[in-house]
Amino acid sequence: MAYYYRKRSDVHPALRLRELTKGPGITVVPGVFDPASALLAESVGFKAIYLSGAALTGSLAMPDLSIITFSEVLDATRRIMEVVDLPVIVDTDTGFGEAINVYRTVKELEEAGAAAVQIEDQVLPKKCGHLAGKHVVPPDEMIKKIIMATEARRHDIVIVARTDAREVEGLDAAVERAQMYVEAGADVIFPEALHDLDEFKEFARKVKAPLLANMTEFGKTPYITAKEFEEAGYRFVIFPVTTFRAAMKAMKDVLLELREKGTQKYVLDRLMSRQEFYDLIGYYEYEKRDSEVAEKAEALVSRLKEKSKSG
């Protein structure tokens, strides 16, 4: 499929994501970190993708500690939206500042084509939600950001409010915050780092809003399937860093093979072929368009030459 040249949907991605919040069923949302990983996710049939702050930061060889800048996230969003036509949920950490900064964050990401922005209630510098030592801001600070986010949007971009309060203040406090965030205008609630499926079920019983679950690896949450999340009342489940971790492990294994054996011929079955990659990026459509333009240019030059001679 040719991604640059295909017809795109006339419906803004935010509106398509809103339809997914209504169901039926749950939407599995893989994390991506660049245009190629986004294309892969789209090519195998996912309905939405998640631009993970942790994965994007990791791809820049930096820790997930709010070191990444808004301009880097905006640029990544634009590059991804150039090649996919999927709703993209963009992780903006704490919104890149105070409430006034959130206004710009939401406005520019929506203009770049993002379907949703995710904002969390951690204190800067924020941490991975599954690590110890994180802190949360007072509820009113997060509420101000949510209100500002709703006022910034123009095309109904979805506001995802994440609360990290479970690990800091307990599950009841996380529920109470989530209820306030819904009242402030959040469209989707993301409870981070719940400890088991029973906690997810209890949260869903008490918070009346579309819910998003995080099924990251090596964290506080045990491995729960998408079906189990769906039965617990969740509309989305993200796998934020899975593709990045898989890519890093695969690259490390191949590099070790090259170092030790001096050839790649024993790992060819682990490589995407040239043809597979060309099909993914629409290589032949580029060639076709280039040839068509060259033919048009040649025909135009010929006509102009003939016109000049006859004139």
C-alpha atoms as a PDB file:
ATOM      1  CA  MET A   1       0.000   0.000   0.000  1.00  0.00           C
ATOM      2  CA  ALA A   2       1.235   3.499  -0.800  1.00  0.00           C
ATOM      3  CA  TYR A   3       0.880   5.631   2.300  1.00  0.00           C
ATOM      4  CA  TYR A   4       1.924   9.068   1.091  1.00  0.00           C
ATOM      5  CA  TYR A   5      -0.356   8.953  -1.924  1.00  0.00           C
ATOM      6  CA  ARG A   6      -3.473   7.181  -0.743  1.00  0.00           C
ATOM      7  CA  LYS A   7      -6.771   8.907  -0.060  1.00  0.00           C
ATOM      8  CA  ARG A   8      -7.144   9.787   3.597  1.00  0.00           C
ATOM      9  CA  SER A   9     -10.318   9.796   5.623  1.00  0.00           C
ATOM     10  CA  ASP A  10     -12.269  13.044   5.619  1.00  0.00           C
ATOM     11  CA  VAL A  11     -13.177  12.437   9.271  1.00  0.00           C
ATOM     12  CA  HIS A  12     -10.720  13.864  11.804  1.00  0.00           C
ATOM     13  CA  PRO A  13      -8.916  11.070  13.726  1.00  0.00           C
ATOM     14  CA  ALA A  14     -10.320  12.405  17.001  1.00  0.00           C
ATOM     15  CA  LEU A  15     -13.869  11.686  15.852  1.00  0.00           C
ATOM     16  CA  ARG A  16     -12.895   8.163  14.826  1.00  0.00           C
ATOM     17  CA  LEU A  17     -11.310   7.594  18.232  1.00  0.00           C
ATOM     18  CA  ARG A  18     -14.460   8.861  19.920  1.00  0.00           C
ATOM     19  CA  GLU A  19     -16.415   6.169  18.113  1.00  0.00           C
ATOM     20  CA  LEU A  20     -14.071   3.583  19.611  1.00  0.00           C
ATOM     21  CA  THR A  21     -14.813   4.911  23.107  1.00  0.00           C
ATOM     22  CA  LYS A  22     -18.405   3.836  22.567  1.00  0.00           C
ATOM     23  CA  GLY A  23     -17.493   0.250  21.724  1.00  0.00           C
ATOM     24  CA  PRO A  24     -18.462  -2.425  21.181  1.00  0.00           C
ATOM     25  CA  GLY A  25     -15.596  -4.322  22.727  1.00  0.00           C
ATOM     26  CA  ILE A  26     -12.118  -3.195  23.617  1.00  0.00           C
ATOM     27  CA  THR A  27      -9.518  -1.604  21.343  1.00  0.00           C
ATOM     28  CA  VAL A  28      -5.977  -2.936  21.641  1.00  0.00           C
ATOM     29  CA  VAL A  29      -3.562  -0.046  21.110  1.00  0.00           C
ATOM     30  CA  PRO A  30       0.122  -0.832  20.519  1.00  0.00           C
ATOM     31  CA  GLY A  31       2.816   1.675  21.368  1.00  0.00           C
ATOM     32  CA  VAL A  32       4.861   3.129  18.510  1.00  0.00           C
ATOM     33  CA  PHE A  33       7.879   5.405  18.469  1.00  0.00           C
ATOM     34  CA  ASP A  34       8.545   6.349  14.824  1.00  0.00           C
ATOM     35  CA  PRO A  35       6.843   6.290  11.402  1.00  0.00           C
ATOM     36  CA  ALA A  36       8.079   2.776  10.540  1.00  0.00           C
ATOM     37  CA  SER A  37       6.695   1.203  13.722  1.00  0.00           C
ATOM     38  CA  ALA A  38       3.431   3.103  13.181  1.00  0.00           C
ATOM     39  CA  LEU A  39       3.187   1.748   9.629  1.00  0.00           C
ATOM     40  CA  LEU A  40       3.760  -1.773  10.873  1.00  0.00           C
ATOM     41  CA  ALA A  41       0.977  -1.430  13.419  1.00  0.00           C
ATOM     42  CA  GLU A  42      -1.396  -0.114  10.783  1.00  0.00           C
ATOM     43  CA  SER A  43      -0.407  -2.772   8.243  1.00  0.00           C
ATOM     44  CA  VAL A  44      -1.339  -5.654  10.550  1.00  0.00           C
ATOM     45  CA  GLY A  45      -4.754  -4.206  11.293  1.00  0.00           C
ATOM     46  CA  PHE A  46      -4.745  -2.203  14.532  1.00  0.00           C
ATOM     47  CA  LYS A  47      -7.449   0.457  14.800  1.00  0.00           C
ATOM     48  CA  ALA A  48      -5.449   2.998  16.845  1.00  0.00           C
ATOM     49  CA  ILE A  49      -1.872   3.528  18.001  1.00  0.00           C
ATOM     50  CA  TYR A  50      -0.180   5.087  21.000  1.00  0.00           C
ATOM     51  CA  LEU A  51       2.824   7.407  20.669  1.00  0.00           C
ATOM     52  CA  SER A  52       4.529   6.337  23.873  1.00  0.00           C
ATOM     53  CA  GLY A  53       6.597   8.894  25.721  1.00  0.00           C
ATOM     54  CA  ALA A  54       8.706   6.124  27.213  1.00  0.00           C
ATOM     55  CA  ALA A  55       9.346   4.468  23.846  1.00  0.00           C
ATOM     56  CA  LEU A  56      10.007   7.746  22.029  1.00  0.00           C
ATOM     57  CA  THR A  57      12.360   8.878  24.789  1.00  0.00           C
ATOM     58  CA  GLY A  58      14.020   5.467  24.755  1.00  0.00           C
ATOM     59  CA  SER A  59      14.555   5.664  20.998  1.00  0.00           C
ATOM     60  CA  LEU A  60      16.524   8.854  21.690  1.00  0.00           C
ATOM     61  CA  ALA A  61      18.612   6.932  24.273  1.00  0.00           C
ATOM     62  CA  MET A  62      17.227   8.939  27.177  1.00  0.00           C
ATOM     63  CA  PRO A  63      15.388   7.951  30.385  1.00  0.00           C
ATOM     64  CA  ASP A  64      11.673   8.581  30.845  1.00  0.00           C
ATOM     65  CA  LEU A  65      12.152  11.533  33.224  1.00  0.00           C
ATOM     66  CA  SER A  66      10.530  14.440  31.353  1.00  0.00           C
ATOM     67  CA  ILE A  67      13.754  15.117  29.480  1.00  0.00           C
ATOM     68  CA  ILE A  68      12.028  14.995  26.116  1.00  0.00           C
ATOM     69  CA  THR A  69      10.660  18.322  24.860  1.00  0.00           C
ATOM     70  CA  PHE A  70       7.308  19.312  23.393  1.00  0.00           C
ATOM     71  CA  SER A  71       8.910  20.122  20.034  1.00  0.00           C
ATOM     72  CA  GLU A  72      10.322  16.582  19.828  1.00  0.00           C
ATOM     73  CA  VAL A  73       6.928  15.026  20.580  1.00  0.00           C
ATOM     74  CA  LEU A  74       5.183  17.353  18.125  1.00  0.00           C
ATOM     75  CA  ASP A  75       7.710  16.521  15.411  1.00  0.00           C
ATOM     76  CA  ALA A  76       7.296  12.787  16.036  1.00  0.00           C
ATOM     77  CA  THR A  77       3.513  13.150  15.835  1.00  0.00           C
ATOM     78  CA  ARG A  78       3.716  15.023  12.545  1.00  0.00           C
ATOM     79  CA  ARG A  79       6.063  12.469  10.998  1.00  0.00           C
ATOM     80  CA  ILE A  80       3.849   9.579  12.072  1.00  0.00           C
ATOM     81  CA  MET A  81       0.687  11.285  10.807  1.00  0.00           C
ATOM     82  CA  GLU A  82       2.339  11.769   7.407  1.00  0.00           C
ATOM     83  CA  VAL A  83       2.361   8.024   6.840  1.00  0.00           C
ATOM     84  CA  VAL A  84      -0.608   6.565   8.733  1.00  0.00           C
ATOM     85  CA  ASP A  85      -4.321   7.235   8.763  1.00  0.00           C
ATOM     86  CA  LEU A  86      -4.997   5.842  12.226  1.00  0.00           C
ATOM     87  CA  PRO A  87      -6.108   7.663  15.356  1.00  0.00           C
ATOM     88  CA  VAL A  88      -2.968   8.379  17.396  1.00  0.00           C
ATOM     89  CA  ILE A  89      -3.072   8.826  21.170  1.00  0.00           C
ATOM     90  CA  VAL A  90      -0.119  11.050  22.095  1.00  0.00           C
ATOM     91  CA  ASP A  91       1.526  10.733  25.486  1.00  0.00           C
ATOM     92  CA  THR A  92       2.386  14.262  26.643  1.00  0.00           C
ATOM     93  CA  ASP A  93       3.537  13.357  30.166  1.00  0.00           C
ATOM     94  CA  THR A  94       2.385  16.266  32.366  1.00  0.00           C
ATOM     95  CA  GLY A  95       1.449  18.458  29.398  1.00  0.00           C
ATOM     96  CA  PHE A  96       4.892  20.100  29.127  1.00  0.00           C
ATOM     97  CA  GLY A  97       4.340  22.629  31.857  1.00  0.00           C
ATOM     98  CA  GLU A  98       1.523  24.347  33.679  1.00  0.00           C
ATOM     99  CA  ALA A  99      -2.068  24.804  32.528  1.00  0.00           C
ATOM    100  CA  ILE A 100      -1.160  27.602  30.092  1.00  0.00           C
ATOM    101  CA  ASN A 101       1.432  25.316  28.473  1.00  0.00           C
ATOM    102  CA  VAL A 102      -1.194  22.597  28.111  1.00  0.00           C
ATOM    103  CA  TYR A 103      -3.232  24.950  25.925  1.00  0.00           C
ATOM    104  CA  ARG A 104      -0.449  25.107  23.353  1.00  0.00           C
ATOM    105  CA  THR A 105       0.288  21.385  23.666  1.00  0.00           C
ATOM    106  CA  VAL A 106      -3.296  20.419  22.841  1.00  0.00           C
ATOM    107  CA  LYS A 107      -3.790  23.052  20.137  1.00  0.00           C
ATOM    108  CA  GLU A 108      -0.665  22.159  18.165  1.00  0.00           C
ATOM    109  CA  LEU A 109      -0.992  18.396  18.521  1.00  0.00           C
ATOM    110  CA  GLU A 110      -4.566  18.572  17.300  1.00  0.00           C
ATOM    111  CA  GLU A 111      -3.423  20.608  14.304  1.00  0.00           C
ATOM    112  CA  ALA A 112      -0.782  17.938  13.650  1.00  0.00           C
ATOM    113  CA  GLY A 113      -3.549  15.337  13.444  1.00  0.00           C
ATOM    114  CA  ALA A 114      -3.424  13.709  16.885  1.00  0.00           C
ATOM    115  CA  ALA A 115      -6.644  12.013  17.929  1.00  0.00           C
ATOM    116  CA  ALA A 116      -5.989  12.282  21.659  1.00  0.00           C
ATOM    117  CA  VAL A 117      -3.603  13.782  24.167  1.00  0.00           C
ATOM    118  CA  GLN A 118      -2.793  12.033  27.414  1.00  0.00           C
ATOM    119  CA  ILE A 119      -1.953  14.186  30.457  1.00  0.00           C
ATOM    120  CA  GLU A 120      -0.910  12.801  33.833  1.00  0.00           C
ATOM    121  CA  ASP A 121      -1.028  14.161  37.367  1.00  0.00           C
ATOM    122  CA  GLN A 122       2.581  13.539  38.406  1.00  0.00           C
ATOM    123  CA  VAL A 123       4.967  16.121  39.794  1.00  0.00           C
ATOM    124  CA  LEU A 124       7.881  17.075  37.552  1.00  0.00           C
ATOM    125  CA  PRO A 125      10.223  15.446  36.861  1.00  0.00           C
ATOM    126  CA  LYS A 126       7.783  12.631  36.264  1.00  0.00           C
ATOM    127  CA  LYS A 127       8.770   8.963  36.326  1.00  0.00           C
ATOM    128  CA  CYS A 128       7.628   5.793  34.671  1.00  0.00           C
ATOM    129  CA  GLY A 129       4.317   5.061  36.364  1.00  0.00           C
ATOM    130  CA  HIS A 130       5.531   1.653  37.506  1.00  0.00           C
ATOM    131  CA  LEU A 131       8.612   2.872  39.373  1.00  0.00           C
ATOM    132  CA  ALA A 132       8.847   3.845  43.036  1.00  0.00           C
ATOM    133  CA  GLY A 133       9.392   7.392  44.223  1.00  0.00           C
ATOM    134  CA  LYS A 134       6.870   9.242  42.100  1.00  0.00           C
ATOM    135  CA  HIS A 135       4.687  12.084  43.411  1.00  0.00           C
ATOM    136  CA  VAL A 136       1.365  13.555  42.320  1.00  0.00           C
ATOM    137  CA  VAL A 137       0.225  17.159  42.147  1.00  0.00           C
ATOM    138  CA  PRO A 138      -2.800  18.399  44.138  1.00  0.00           C
ATOM    139  CA  PRO A 139      -6.043  17.551  42.273  1.00  0.00           C
ATOM    140  CA  ASP A 140      -6.818  21.195  41.480  1.00  0.00           C
ATOM    141  CA  GLU A 141      -3.588  21.540  39.486  1.00  0.00           C
ATOM    142  CA  MET A 142      -4.546  18.622  37.267  1.00  0.00           C
ATOM    143  CA  ILE A 143      -8.099  19.905  36.972  1.00  0.00           C
ATOM    144  CA  LYS A 144      -6.819  23.245  35.681  1.00  0.00           C
ATOM    145  CA  LYS A 145      -4.859  21.390  32.991  1.00  0.00           C
ATOM    146  CA  ILE A 146      -7.903  19.376  31.951  1.00  0.00           C
ATOM    147  CA  ILE A 147     -10.068  22.490  31.688  1.00  0.00           C
ATOM    148  CA  MET A 148      -7.379  24.228  29.650  1.00  0.00           C
ATOM    149  CA  ALA A 149      -7.099  21.207  27.379  1.00  0.00           C
ATOM    150  CA  THR A 150     -10.839  21.182  26.682  1.00  0.00           C
ATOM    151  CA  GLU A 151     -10.768  24.903  25.869  1.00  0.00           C
ATOM    152  CA  ALA A 152      -7.837  24.524  23.484  1.00  0.00           C
ATOM    153  CA  ARG A 153      -9.358  21.924  21.189  1.00  0.00           C
ATOM    154  CA  ARG A 154     -11.087  22.769  17.937  1.00  0.00           C
ATOM    155  CA  HIS A 155     -11.840  19.371  16.382  1.00  0.00           C
ATOM    156  CA  ASP A 156     -12.992  17.472  19.451  1.00  0.00           C
ATOM    157  CA  ILE A 157      -9.602  15.934  20.245  1.00  0.00           C
ATOM    158  CA  VAL A 158      -9.964  13.362  23.012  1.00  0.00           C
ATOM    159  CA  ILE A 159      -8.566  14.287  26.429  1.00  0.00           C
ATOM    160  CA  VAL A 160      -7.121  11.299  28.289  1.00  0.00           C
ATOM    161  CA  ALA A 161      -6.484  12.005  31.973  1.00  0.00           C
ATOM    162  CA  ARG A 162      -4.051   9.659  33.692  1.00  0.00           C
ATOM    163  CA  THR A 163      -3.838   9.411  37.453  1.00  0.00           C
ATOM    164  CA  ASP A 164      -0.777   7.986  39.192  1.00  0.00           C
ATOM    165  CA  ALA A 165      -2.372   8.298  42.626  1.00  0.00           C
ATOM    166  CA  ARG A 166      -2.819   4.557  43.245  1.00  0.00           C
ATOM    167  CA  GLU A 167       0.801   4.035  44.185  1.00  0.00           C
ATOM    168  CA  VAL A 168       1.105   7.318  46.091  1.00  0.00           C
ATOM    169  CA  GLU A 169      -2.226   7.797  47.891  1.00  0.00           C
ATOM    170  CA  GLY A 170      -4.057   4.491  47.430  1.00  0.00           C
ATOM    171  CA  LEU A 171      -6.838   3.175  45.212  1.00  0.00           C
ATOM    172  CA  ASP A 172      -9.649   5.193  46.836  1.00  0.00           C
ATOM    173  CA  ALA A 173      -7.753   8.424  46.196  1.00  0.00           C
ATOM    174  CA  ALA A 174      -7.155   7.401  42.580  1.00  0.00           C
ATOM    175  CA  VAL A 175     -10.877   6.794  42.163  1.00  0.00           C
ATOM    176  CA  GLU A 176     -11.750  10.138  43.750  1.00  0.00           C
ATOM    177  CA  ARG A 177      -9.302  11.974  41.494  1.00  0.00           C
ATOM    178  CA  ALA A 178     -10.650  10.207  38.422  1.00  0.00           C
ATOM    179  CA  GLN A 179     -14.202  11.236  39.289  1.00  0.00           C
ATOM    180  CA  MET A 180     -13.079  14.862  39.593  1.00  0.00           C
ATOM    181  CA  TYR A 181     -11.206  14.647  36.289  1.00  0.00           C
ATOM    182  CA  VAL A 182     -14.354  13.428  34.552  1.00  0.00           C
ATOM    183  CA  GLU A 183     -16.295  16.369  35.987  1.00  0.00           C
ATOM    184  CA  ALA A 184     -13.558  18.712  34.714  1.00  0.00           C
ATOM    185  CA  GLY A 185     -14.052  17.448  31.160  1.00  0.00           C
ATOM    186  CA  ALA A 186     -11.734  14.470  30.644  1.00  0.00           C
ATOM    187  CA  ASP A 187     -13.088  12.098  27.997  1.00  0.00           C
ATOM    188  CA  VAL A 188     -11.113   8.993  28.961  1.00  0.00           C
ATOM    189  CA  ILE A 189      -9.590   8.015  32.311  1.00  0.00           C
ATOM    190  CA  PHE A 190      -6.302   6.132  32.581  1.00  0.00           C
ATOM    191  CA  PRO A 191      -5.607   4.618  36.034  1.00  0.00           C
ATOM    192  CA  GLU A 192      -1.887   3.870  36.143  1.00  0.00           C
ATOM    193  CA  ALA A 193      -0.164   0.967  37.890  1.00  0.00           C
ATOM    194  CA  LEU A 194      -3.117  -0.792  39.474  1.00  0.00           C
ATOM    195  CA  HIS A 195      -2.003  -3.948  41.250  1.00  0.00           C
ATOM    196  CA  ASP A 196      -4.395  -6.643  40.024  1.00  0.00           C
ATOM    197  CA  LEU A 197      -7.523  -7.350  38.020  1.00  0.00           C
ATOM    198  CA  ASP A 198      -9.748  -6.865  41.068  1.00  0.00           C
ATOM    199  CA  GLU A 199      -8.487  -3.284  41.404  1.00  0.00           C
ATOM    200  CA  PHE A 200      -9.239  -2.640  37.743  1.00  0.00           C
ATOM    201  CA  LYS A 201     -12.754  -3.994  38.246  1.00  0.00           C
ATOM    202  CA  GLU A 202     -13.348  -1.883  41.349  1.00  0.00           C
ATOM    203  CA  PHE A 203     -12.070   1.230  39.570  1.00  0.00           C
ATOM    204  CA  ALA A 204     -14.415   0.566  36.642  1.00  0.00           C
ATOM    205  CA  ARG A 205     -17.412   0.130  38.963  1.00  0.00           C
ATOM    206  CA  LYS A 206     -16.797   3.521  40.563  1.00  0.00           C
ATOM    207  CA  VAL A 207     -15.617   5.680  37.647  1.00  0.00           C
ATOM    208  CA  LYS A 208     -18.269   6.270  35.009  1.00  0.00           C
ATOM    209  CA  ALA A 209     -16.234   7.118  31.919  1.00  0.00           C
ATOM    210  CA  PRO A 210     -14.465   5.304  29.091  1.00  0.00           C
ATOM    211  CA  LEU A 211     -11.404   3.700  30.667  1.00  0.00           C
ATOM    212  CA  LEU A 212      -7.907   2.937  29.379  1.00  0.00           C
ATOM    213  CA  ALA A 213      -5.660   0.271  30.903  1.00  0.00           C
ATOM    214  CA  ASN A 214      -1.877   0.043  30.619  1.00  0.00           C
ATOM    215  CA  MET A 215      -0.484  -3.447  30.031  1.00  0.00           C
ATOM    216  CA  THR A 216       3.223  -2.682  30.128  1.00  0.00           C
ATOM    217  CA  GLU A 217       5.896  -5.274  30.848  1.00  0.00           C
ATOM    218  CA  PHE A 218       7.913  -5.653  34.051  1.00  0.00           C
ATOM    219  CA  GLY A 219       5.671  -3.311  36.042  1.00  0.00           C
ATOM    220  CA  LYS A 220       3.265  -3.226  38.988  1.00  0.00           C
ATOM    221  CA  THR A 221       0.385  -4.676  36.960  1.00  0.00           C
ATOM    222  CA  PRO A 222       0.345  -8.455  36.382  1.00  0.00           C
ATOM    223  CA  TYR A 223      -0.202  -9.722  32.847  1.00  0.00           C
ATOM    224  CA  ILE A 224      -3.886  -9.306  32.073  1.00  0.00           C
ATOM    225  CA  THR A 225      -5.386 -10.078  28.670  1.00  0.00           C
ATOM    226  CA  ALA A 226      -7.372  -7.666  26.536  1.00  0.00           C
ATOM    227  CA  LYS A 227     -10.416  -9.897  26.963  1.00  0.00           C
ATOM    228  CA  GLU A 228     -10.116  -9.700  30.745  1.00  0.00           C
ATOM    229  CA  PHE A 229      -9.846  -5.910  30.591  1.00  0.00           C
ATOM    230  CA  GLU A 230     -12.890  -5.799  28.334  1.00  0.00           C
ATOM    231  CA  GLU A 231     -14.919  -7.900  30.759  1.00  0.00           C
ATOM    232  CA  ALA A 232     -13.779  -5.556  33.555  1.00  0.00           C
ATOM    233  CA  GLY A 233     -15.264  -2.578  31.695  1.00  0.00           C
ATOM    234  CA  TYR A 234     -12.324  -1.049  29.820  1.00  0.00           C
ATOM    235  CA  ARG A 235     -12.503   0.414  26.291  1.00  0.00           C
ATOM    236  CA  PHE A 236      -8.769   0.584  25.543  1.00  0.00           C
ATOM    237  CA  VAL A 237      -5.641  -1.288  26.549  1.00  0.00           C
ATOM    238  CA  ILE A 238      -2.257   0.084  25.563  1.00  0.00           C
ATOM    239  CA  PHE A 239       0.996  -1.840  25.171  1.00  0.00           C
ATOM    240  CA  PRO A 240       3.224   1.242  25.263  1.00  0.00           C
ATOM    241  CA  VAL A 241       6.794  -0.044  25.091  1.00  0.00           C
ATOM    242  CA  THR A 242       6.370  -3.595  23.767  1.00  0.00           C
ATOM    243  CA  THR A 243       7.402  -2.840  20.179  1.00  0.00           C
ATOM    244  CA  PHE A 244      10.408  -0.777  21.280  1.00  0.00           C
ATOM    245  CA  ARG A 245      11.628  -3.459  23.662  1.00  0.00           C
ATOM    246  CA  ALA A 246      11.144  -6.138  21.002  1.00  0.00           C
ATOM    247  CA  ALA A 247      13.061  -4.089  18.431  1.00  0.00           C
ATOM    248  CA  MET A 248      15.935  -3.406  20.822  1.00  0.00           C
ATOM    249  CA  LYS A 249      16.228  -7.091  21.781  1.00  0.00           C
ATOM    250  CA  ALA A 250      16.133  -8.201  18.139  1.00  0.00           C
ATOM    251  CA  MET A 251      18.791  -5.663  17.137  1.00  0.00           C
ATOM    252  CA  LYS A 252      21.032  -6.684  20.023  1.00  0.00           C
ATOM    253  CA  ASP A 253      20.777 -10.364  19.069  1.00  0.00           C
ATOM    254  CA  VAL A 254      21.653  -9.641  15.440  1.00  0.00           C
ATOM    255  CA  LEU A 255      24.554  -7.384  16.414  1.00  0.00           C
ATOM    256  CA  LEU A 256      25.985 -10.140  18.604  1.00  0.00           C
ATOM    257  CA  GLU A 257      25.641 -12.565  15.704  1.00  0.00           C
ATOM    258  CA  LEU A 258      27.489 -10.196  13.381  1.00  0.00           C
ATOM    259  CA  ARG A 259      30.244  -9.621  15.913  1.00  0.00           C
ATOM    260  CA  GLU A 260      30.757 -13.303  16.584  1.00  0.00           C
ATOM    261  CA  LYS A 261      30.302 -14.827  13.107  1.00  0.00           C
ATOM    262  CA  GLY A 262      31.013 -11.966  10.731  1.00  0.00           C
ATOM    263  CA  THR A 263      27.951 -12.733   8.589  1.00  0.00           C
ATOM    264  CA  GLN A 264      24.198 -12.266   8.680  1.00  0.00           C
ATOM    265  CA  LYS A 265      23.365 -15.393   6.678  1.00  0.00           C
ATOM    266  CA  TYR A 266      22.367 -17.352   9.797  1.00  0.00           C
ATOM    267  CA  VAL A 267      19.772 -14.800  10.874  1.00  0.00           C
ATOM    268  CA  LEU A 268      18.043 -14.104   7.567  1.00  0.00           C
ATOM    269  CA  ASP A 269      14.871 -15.727   8.877  1.00  0.00           C
ATOM    270  CA  ARG A 270      14.741 -13.011  11.545  1.00  0.00           C
ATOM    271  CA  LEU A 271      14.992 -10.123   9.085  1.00  0.00           C
ATOM    272  CA  MET A 272      12.245  -8.343   7.195  1.00  0.00           C
ATOM    273  CA  SER A 273      12.959  -8.899   3.510  1.00  0.00           C
ATOM    274  CA  ARG A 274      13.596  -6.097   1.072  1.00  0.00           C
ATOM    275  CA  GLN A 275      10.283  -6.897  -0.637  1.00  0.00           C
ATOM    276  CA  GLU A 276       8.327  -6.829   2.632  1.00  0.00           C
ATOM    277  CA  PHE A 277       9.770  -3.437   3.521  1.00  0.00           C
ATOM    278  CA  TYR A 278       9.154  -2.028   0.040  1.00  0.00           C
ATOM    279  CA  ASP A 279       5.536  -3.182   0.241  1.00  0.00           C
ATOM    280  CA  LEU A 280       5.192  -1.584   3.679  1.00  0.00           C
ATOM    281  CA  ILE A 281       6.400   1.867   2.631  1.00  0.00           C
ATOM    282  CA  GLY A 282       4.823   1.837  -0.831  1.00  0.00           C
ATOM    283  CA  TYR A 283       8.157   1.902  -2.650  1.00  0.00           C
ATOM    284  CA  TYR A 284       6.760   1.092  -6.089  1.00  0.00           C
ATOM    285  CA  GLU A 285       4.099   3.772  -5.794  1.00  0.00           C
ATOM    286  CA  TYR A 286       6.900   6.314  -5.395  1.00  0.00           C
ATOM    287  CA  GLU A 287       8.565   4.962  -8.544  1.00  0.00           C
ATOM    288  CA  LYS A 288       5.253   4.962 -10.406  1.00  0.00           C
ATOM    289  CA  ARG A 289       4.541   8.572  -9.464  1.00  0.00           C
ATOM    290  CA  ASP A 290       8.060   9.630 -10.399  1.00  0.00           C
ATOM    291  CA  SER A 291       7.702   8.011 -13.837  1.00  0.00           C
ATOM    292  CA  GLU A 292       4.275   9.559 -14.395  1.00  0.00           C
ATOM    293  CA  VAL A 293       5.564  13.037 -13.553  1.00  0.00           C
ATOM    294  CA  ALA A 294       8.598  12.535 -15.793  1.00  0.00           C
ATOM    295  CA  GLU A 295       6.309  11.553 -18.679  1.00  0.00           C
ATOM    296  CA  LYS A 296       4.094  14.588 -18.101  1.00  0.00           C
ATOM    297  CA  ALA A 297       7.104  16.876 -17.989  1.00  0.00           C
ATOM    298  CA  GLU A 298       8.517  15.382 -21.186  1.00  0.00           C
ATOM    299  CA  ALA A 299       5.172  15.753 -22.963  1.00  0.00           C
ATOM    300  CA  LEU A 300       4.873  19.376 -21.809  1.00  0.00           C
ATOM    301  CA  VAL A 301       8.372  20.228 -23.029  1.00  0.00           C
ATOM    302  CA  SER A 302       7.615  18.626 -26.411  1.00  0.00           C
ATOM    303  CA  ARG A 303       4.400  20.629 -26.795  1.00  0.00           C
ATOM    304  CA  LEU A 304       6.139  23.852 -25.891  1.00  0.00           C
ATOM    305  CA  LYS A 305       8.912  23.170 -28.399  1.00  0.00           C
ATOM    306  CA  GLU A 306       6.364  22.442 -31.123  1.00  0.00           C
ATOM    307  CA  LYS A 307       4.459  25.579 -30.240  1.00  0.00           C
ATOM    308  CA  SER A 308       7.652  27.600 -30.398  1.00  0.00           C
ATOM    309  CA  LYS A 309       8.502  26.257 -33.836  1.00  0.00           C
ATOM    310  CA  SER A 310       5.034  26.934 -35.232  1.00  0.00           C
ATOM    311  CA  GLY A 311       5.004  30.432 -33.714  1.00  0.00           C
END
